[in-house]
Amino acid sequence: MTESRPDAASARVIDYIAVEDSPRFRELKKTQRSFVFPLSLAFLAWYFAYVLLSSFAPEFMAQRVWGAITVGLLLGLGQFVTTFAITMGYVAFANRRLDPISAEIREDLEKIERGDA
């Protein structure tokens, strides 16, 4: 069984530091951060608001909404819903905006590795 390996003479070493400094890679990181940081801050604010309300406004959190369902329970379940929504939003964002850029970078690196570039 033979493996398909590039010829040692045609294969090139990739300078990953240069790749990190490339405009395309910087664009990829900037695009990713533009989604992740604001959403992370918003979620942390929402989470800490829930914790603070639980600690300092127990009467509010204990208000019944319907039967045994309280405001605190609804807000707690909202934490899970928010987590799943953020995850689904990030996956859609990554598929639409990040994956095409990373595929281009990967293709370029594979060309260099094969010696095509």
N, C-alpha and C. Protein backbone atom coordinates (compact mmCIF):
# COMPACT_ATOMS: atom_id res chain seq x y z
N MET A 1 0.85 -1.17 0.00
CA MET A 1 0.00 0.00 0.00
C MET A 1 0.89 1.24 0.00
N THR A 2 0.77 2.05 -1.01
CA THR A 2 1.61 3.24 -1.11
C THR A 2 0.78 4.47 -0.78
N GLU A 3 1.43 5.38 -0.11
CA GLU A 3 0.76 6.63 0.24
C GLU A 3 1.10 7.66 -0.80
N SER A 4 0.17 8.54 -1.04
CA SER A 4 0.39 9.62 -1.98
C SER A 4 1.02 10.78 -1.23
N ARG A 5 2.33 10.91 -1.37
CA ARG A 5 3.05 11.99 -0.69
C ARG A 5 3.69 12.87 -1.73
N PRO A 6 3.79 14.14 -1.45
CA PRO A 6 4.46 15.01 -2.39
C PRO A 6 5.94 14.67 -2.46
N ASP A 7 6.51 14.87 -3.61
CA ASP A 7 7.93 14.66 -3.80
C ASP A 7 8.69 15.60 -2.87
N ALA A 8 9.72 15.09 -2.22
CA ALA A 8 10.47 15.90 -1.24
C ALA A 8 11.03 17.16 -1.87
N ALA A 9 11.38 17.09 -3.15
CA ALA A 9 11.96 18.27 -3.81
C ALA A 9 10.90 19.33 -4.08
N SER A 10 9.67 18.88 -4.36
CA SER A 10 8.63 19.86 -4.70
C SER A 10 7.86 20.36 -3.48
N ALA A 11 7.90 19.61 -2.38
CA ALA A 11 7.19 20.04 -1.17
C ALA A 11 7.90 21.24 -0.56
N ARG A 12 7.12 22.12 0.01
CA ARG A 12 7.69 23.32 0.62
C ARG A 12 7.28 23.40 2.07
N VAL A 13 8.10 24.06 2.84
CA VAL A 13 7.80 24.28 4.25
C VAL A 13 6.93 25.53 4.34
N ILE A 14 5.89 25.44 5.13
CA ILE A 14 4.97 26.57 5.27
C ILE A 14 5.40 27.42 6.45
N ASP A 15 5.47 28.70 6.22
CA ASP A 15 5.79 29.66 7.28
C ASP A 15 4.47 30.10 7.92
N TYR A 16 4.12 29.43 9.00
CA TYR A 16 2.83 29.68 9.63
C TYR A 16 2.76 31.05 10.30
N ILE A 17 3.90 31.57 10.71
CA ILE A 17 3.92 32.92 11.28
C ILE A 17 3.53 33.93 10.19
N ALA A 18 4.05 33.74 8.99
CA ALA A 18 3.69 34.62 7.87
C ALA A 18 2.21 34.46 7.53
N VAL A 19 1.69 33.25 7.64
CA VAL A 19 0.26 33.03 7.38
C VAL A 19 -0.57 33.80 8.38
N GLU A 20 -0.17 33.76 9.66
CA GLU A 20 -0.89 34.51 10.70
C GLU A 20 -0.86 36.01 10.43
N ASP A 21 0.21 36.49 9.83
CA ASP A 21 0.35 37.92 9.56
C ASP A 21 -0.29 38.33 8.24
N SER A 22 -0.79 37.36 7.47
CA SER A 22 -1.36 37.68 6.16
C SER A 22 -2.68 38.44 6.31
N PRO A 23 -2.98 39.30 5.35
CA PRO A 23 -4.25 40.05 5.42
C PRO A 23 -5.48 39.15 5.45
N ARG A 24 -5.47 38.04 4.73
CA ARG A 24 -6.63 37.15 4.68
C ARG A 24 -6.88 36.50 6.05
N PHE A 25 -5.80 36.08 6.72
CA PHE A 25 -5.95 35.47 8.03
C PHE A 25 -6.39 36.51 9.06
N ARG A 26 -5.84 37.71 8.96
CA ARG A 26 -6.27 38.78 9.88
C ARG A 26 -7.74 39.11 9.67
N GLU A 27 -8.18 39.08 8.42
CA GLU A 27 -9.60 39.31 8.13
C GLU A 27 -10.47 38.21 8.75
N LEU A 28 -10.00 36.98 8.66
CA LEU A 28 -10.73 35.86 9.26
C LEU A 28 -10.87 36.05 10.77
N LYS A 29 -9.77 36.38 11.44
CA LYS A 29 -9.82 36.57 12.88
C LYS A 29 -10.68 37.78 13.26
N LYS A 30 -10.59 38.85 12.49
CA LYS A 30 -11.39 40.04 12.79
C LYS A 30 -12.88 39.73 12.64
N THR A 31 -13.22 39.00 11.59
CA THR A 31 -14.62 38.63 11.36
C THR A 31 -15.14 37.75 12.49
N GLN A 32 -14.31 36.79 12.91
CA GLN A 32 -14.71 35.89 13.98
C GLN A 32 -14.88 36.66 15.29
N ARG A 33 -13.94 37.51 15.60
CA ARG A 33 -14.01 38.29 16.84
C ARG A 33 -15.19 39.26 16.84
N SER A 34 -15.54 39.79 15.68
CA SER A 34 -16.66 40.74 15.60
C SER A 34 -17.98 40.08 15.99
N PHE A 35 -18.04 38.77 15.88
CA PHE A 35 -19.25 38.05 16.29
C PHE A 35 -19.12 37.57 17.74
N VAL A 36 -17.98 36.99 18.06
CA VAL A 36 -17.80 36.32 19.35
C VAL A 36 -17.77 37.29 20.52
N PHE A 37 -16.99 38.35 20.44
CA PHE A 37 -16.83 39.24 21.60
C PHE A 37 -18.13 39.94 22.00
N PRO A 38 -18.84 40.58 21.09
CA PRO A 38 -20.08 41.24 21.52
C PRO A 38 -21.11 40.26 22.08
N LEU A 39 -21.24 39.10 21.44
CA LEU A 39 -22.22 38.13 21.94
C LEU A 39 -21.80 37.56 23.29
N SER A 40 -20.51 37.35 23.48
CA SER A 40 -20.02 36.86 24.77
C SER A 40 -20.30 37.87 25.88
N LEU A 41 -20.03 39.14 25.59
CA LEU A 41 -20.31 40.18 26.58
C LEU A 41 -21.79 40.28 26.89
N ALA A 42 -22.62 40.20 25.86
CA ALA A 42 -24.07 40.27 26.06
C ALA A 42 -24.55 39.08 26.90
N PHE A 43 -24.04 37.89 26.58
CA PHE A 43 -24.47 36.72 27.34
C PHE A 43 -24.01 36.80 28.79
N LEU A 44 -22.77 37.24 29.01
CA LEU A 44 -22.28 37.37 30.39
C LEU A 44 -23.11 38.39 31.18
N ALA A 45 -23.48 39.49 30.54
CA ALA A 45 -24.32 40.48 31.20
C ALA A 45 -25.67 39.87 31.57
N TRP A 46 -26.25 39.12 30.66
CA TRP A 46 -27.53 38.45 30.89
C TRP A 46 -27.40 37.42 32.01
N TYR A 47 -26.31 36.67 32.01
CA TYR A 47 -26.08 35.66 33.05
C TYR A 47 -25.92 36.32 34.42
N PHE A 48 -25.07 37.35 34.49
CA PHE A 48 -24.86 38.01 35.78
C PHE A 48 -26.12 38.73 36.26
N ALA A 49 -26.92 39.25 35.35
CA ALA A 49 -28.20 39.85 35.75
C ALA A 49 -29.08 38.80 36.41
N TYR A 50 -29.10 37.60 35.85
CA TYR A 50 -29.88 36.50 36.43
C TYR A 50 -29.36 36.15 37.82
N VAL A 51 -28.06 36.03 37.96
CA VAL A 51 -27.46 35.69 39.26
C VAL A 51 -27.76 36.80 40.28
N LEU A 52 -27.58 38.06 39.87
CA LEU A 52 -27.83 39.17 40.79
C LEU A 52 -29.30 39.25 41.19
N LEU A 53 -30.20 39.04 40.23
CA LEU A 53 -31.63 39.03 40.57
C LEU A 53 -31.94 37.89 41.54
N SER A 54 -31.33 36.74 41.33
CA SER A 54 -31.54 35.61 42.24
C SER A 54 -31.06 35.92 43.64
N SER A 55 -29.97 36.67 43.73
CA SER A 55 -29.40 36.98 45.05
C SER A 55 -30.07 38.16 45.74
N PHE A 56 -30.39 39.20 44.97
CA PHE A 56 -30.84 40.45 45.58
C PHE A 56 -32.30 40.79 45.34
N ALA A 57 -32.99 40.02 44.54
CA ALA A 57 -34.41 40.28 44.31
C ALA A 57 -35.20 38.97 44.37
N PRO A 58 -35.10 38.26 45.50
CA PRO A 58 -35.78 36.96 45.58
C PRO A 58 -37.31 37.08 45.48
N GLU A 59 -37.86 38.20 45.95
CA GLU A 59 -39.32 38.37 45.86
C GLU A 59 -39.76 38.45 44.40
N PHE A 60 -38.97 39.19 43.60
CA PHE A 60 -39.28 39.30 42.18
C PHE A 60 -39.17 37.94 41.49
N MET A 61 -38.08 37.22 41.80
CA MET A 61 -37.84 35.93 41.15
C MET A 61 -38.89 34.89 41.58
N ALA A 62 -39.47 35.07 42.77
CA ALA A 62 -40.45 34.11 43.28
C ALA A 62 -41.87 34.40 42.80
N GLN A 63 -42.07 35.50 42.09
CA GLN A 63 -43.42 35.82 41.60
C GLN A 63 -43.91 34.71 40.68
N ARG A 64 -45.12 34.28 40.96
CA ARG A 64 -45.72 33.21 40.14
C ARG A 64 -46.26 33.82 38.84
N VAL A 65 -45.98 33.12 37.77
CA VAL A 65 -46.46 33.55 36.46
C VAL A 65 -47.67 32.72 36.06
N TRP A 66 -47.57 31.41 36.29
CA TRP A 66 -48.65 30.49 35.94
C TRP A 66 -48.47 29.23 36.76
N GLY A 67 -49.37 28.95 37.64
CA GLY A 67 -49.26 27.77 38.50
C GLY A 67 -48.00 27.86 39.36
N ALA A 68 -47.17 26.83 39.26
CA ALA A 68 -45.93 26.79 40.03
C ALA A 68 -44.76 27.41 39.27
N ILE A 69 -45.03 27.96 38.11
CA ILE A 69 -43.98 28.57 37.28
C ILE A 69 -43.71 29.98 37.77
N THR A 70 -42.44 30.25 38.12
CA THR A 70 -42.06 31.56 38.64
C THR A 70 -41.21 32.31 37.62
N VAL A 71 -41.03 33.60 37.88
CA VAL A 71 -40.18 34.43 37.03
C VAL A 71 -38.76 33.86 37.02
N GLY A 72 -38.27 33.44 38.19
CA GLY A 72 -36.92 32.88 38.28
C GLY A 72 -36.75 31.63 37.44
N LEU A 73 -37.76 30.77 37.45
CA LEU A 73 -37.70 29.56 36.64
C LEU A 73 -37.67 29.90 35.15
N LEU A 74 -38.51 30.84 34.74
CA LEU A 74 -38.53 31.24 33.34
C LEU A 74 -37.20 31.87 32.91
N LEU A 75 -36.64 32.71 33.78
CA LEU A 75 -35.34 33.32 33.45
C LEU A 75 -34.24 32.27 33.42
N GLY A 76 -34.29 31.31 34.32
CA GLY A 76 -33.31 30.22 34.33
C GLY A 76 -33.39 29.38 33.06
N LEU A 77 -34.60 29.05 32.66
CA LEU A 77 -34.77 28.31 31.41
C LEU A 77 -34.34 29.16 30.22
N GLY A 78 -34.54 30.47 30.35
CA GLY A 78 -34.09 31.38 29.29
C GLY A 78 -32.58 31.34 29.08
N GLN A 79 -31.83 31.03 30.15
CA GLN A 79 -30.38 30.88 30.02
C GLN A 79 -30.05 29.74 29.05
N PHE A 80 -30.76 28.62 29.19
CA PHE A 80 -30.53 27.49 28.29
C PHE A 80 -30.93 27.83 26.86
N VAL A 81 -32.08 28.46 26.73
CA VAL A 81 -32.55 28.85 25.40
C VAL A 81 -31.56 29.79 24.73
N THR A 82 -31.06 30.75 25.50
CA THR A 82 -30.08 31.70 24.97
C THR A 82 -28.81 30.99 24.53
N THR A 83 -28.35 30.03 25.32
CA THR A 83 -27.14 29.29 24.98
C THR A 83 -27.31 28.56 23.65
N PHE A 84 -28.43 27.88 23.48
CA PHE A 84 -28.67 27.16 22.23
C PHE A 84 -28.83 28.13 21.06
N ALA A 85 -29.49 29.25 21.28
CA ALA A 85 -29.67 30.24 20.21
C ALA A 85 -28.33 30.82 19.78
N ILE A 86 -27.47 31.13 20.73
CA ILE A 86 -26.14 31.66 20.40
C ILE A 86 -25.34 30.63 19.62
N THR A 87 -25.43 29.37 20.04
CA THR A 87 -24.71 28.30 19.35
C THR A 87 -25.20 28.16 17.91
N MET A 88 -26.50 28.13 17.73
CA MET A 88 -27.04 28.01 16.37
C MET A 88 -26.69 29.24 15.53
N GLY A 89 -26.73 30.41 16.14
CA GLY A 89 -26.35 31.63 15.42
C GLY A 89 -24.90 31.62 15.00
N TYR A 90 -24.03 31.14 15.91
CA TYR A 90 -22.60 31.09 15.57
C TYR A 90 -22.33 30.08 14.46
N VAL A 91 -22.99 28.94 14.51
CA VAL A 91 -22.79 27.94 13.45
C VAL A 91 -23.22 28.52 12.10
N ALA A 92 -24.35 29.19 12.06
CA ALA A 92 -24.82 29.80 10.81
C ALA A 92 -23.84 30.88 10.35
N PHE A 93 -23.38 31.70 11.28
CA PHE A 93 -22.41 32.76 10.95
C PHE A 93 -21.11 32.16 10.42
N ALA A 94 -20.63 31.13 11.10
CA ALA A 94 -19.37 30.49 10.68
C ALA A 94 -19.52 29.86 9.30
N ASN A 95 -20.63 29.19 9.07
CA ASN A 95 -20.85 28.58 7.75
C ASN A 95 -20.89 29.62 6.64
N ARG A 96 -21.51 30.74 6.93
CA ARG A 96 -21.70 31.77 5.91
C ARG A 96 -20.48 32.67 5.73
N ARG A 97 -19.83 33.05 6.83
CA ARG A 97 -18.78 34.07 6.76
C ARG A 97 -17.36 33.55 7.00
N LEU A 98 -17.19 32.60 7.91
CA LEU A 98 -15.85 32.16 8.28
C LEU A 98 -15.34 31.01 7.41
N ASP A 99 -16.20 30.04 7.15
CA ASP A 99 -15.77 28.85 6.41
C ASP A 99 -15.24 29.16 5.01
N PRO A 100 -15.87 30.05 4.25
CA PRO A 100 -15.30 30.35 2.92
C PRO A 100 -13.89 30.93 2.99
N ILE A 101 -13.64 31.80 3.96
CA ILE A 101 -12.31 32.40 4.10
C ILE A 101 -11.30 31.34 4.53
N SER A 102 -11.68 30.53 5.52
CA SER A 102 -10.74 29.50 5.99
C SER A 102 -10.49 28.45 4.91
N ALA A 103 -11.48 28.17 4.07
CA ALA A 103 -11.27 27.22 2.97
C ALA A 103 -10.25 27.78 1.97
N GLU A 104 -10.35 29.07 1.68
CA GLU A 104 -9.37 29.70 0.77
C GLU A 104 -7.95 29.61 1.35
N ILE A 105 -7.83 29.91 2.63
CA ILE A 105 -6.51 29.86 3.28
C ILE A 105 -5.97 28.43 3.25
N ARG A 106 -6.83 27.47 3.57
CA ARG A 106 -6.41 26.07 3.56
C ARG A 106 -5.97 25.63 2.17
N GLU A 107 -6.74 26.00 1.14
CA GLU A 107 -6.37 25.63 -0.24
C GLU A 107 -5.02 26.22 -0.62
N ASP A 108 -4.80 27.47 -0.24
CA ASP A 108 -3.51 28.10 -0.53
C ASP A 108 -2.36 27.35 0.17
N LEU A 109 -2.58 26.97 1.42
CA LEU A 109 -1.54 26.26 2.16
C LEU A 109 -1.29 24.87 1.58
N GLU A 110 -2.35 24.21 1.14
CA GLU A 110 -2.17 22.90 0.52
C GLU A 110 -1.40 23.00 -0.80
N LYS A 111 -1.66 24.06 -1.55
CA LYS A 111 -0.91 24.29 -2.79
C LYS A 111 0.59 24.48 -2.49
N ILE A 112 0.86 25.27 -1.45
CA ILE A 112 2.26 25.51 -1.07
C ILE A 112 2.90 24.19 -0.64
N GLU A 113 2.17 23.42 0.15
CA GLU A 113 2.71 22.16 0.65
C GLU A 113 3.01 21.18 -0.50
N ARG A 114 2.13 21.18 -1.52
CA ARG A 114 2.34 20.31 -2.68
C ARG A 114 3.41 20.83 -3.60
N GLY A 115 3.72 22.11 -3.47
CA GLY A 115 4.70 22.72 -4.35
C GLY A 115 4.08 23.31 -5.61
N ASP A 116 2.75 23.49 -5.60
CA ASP A 116 2.05 24.06 -6.76
C ASP A 116 2.15 25.57 -6.81
N ALA A 117 2.47 26.19 -5.71
CA ALA A 117 2.44 27.66 -5.67
C ALA A 117 3.82 28.24 -5.86
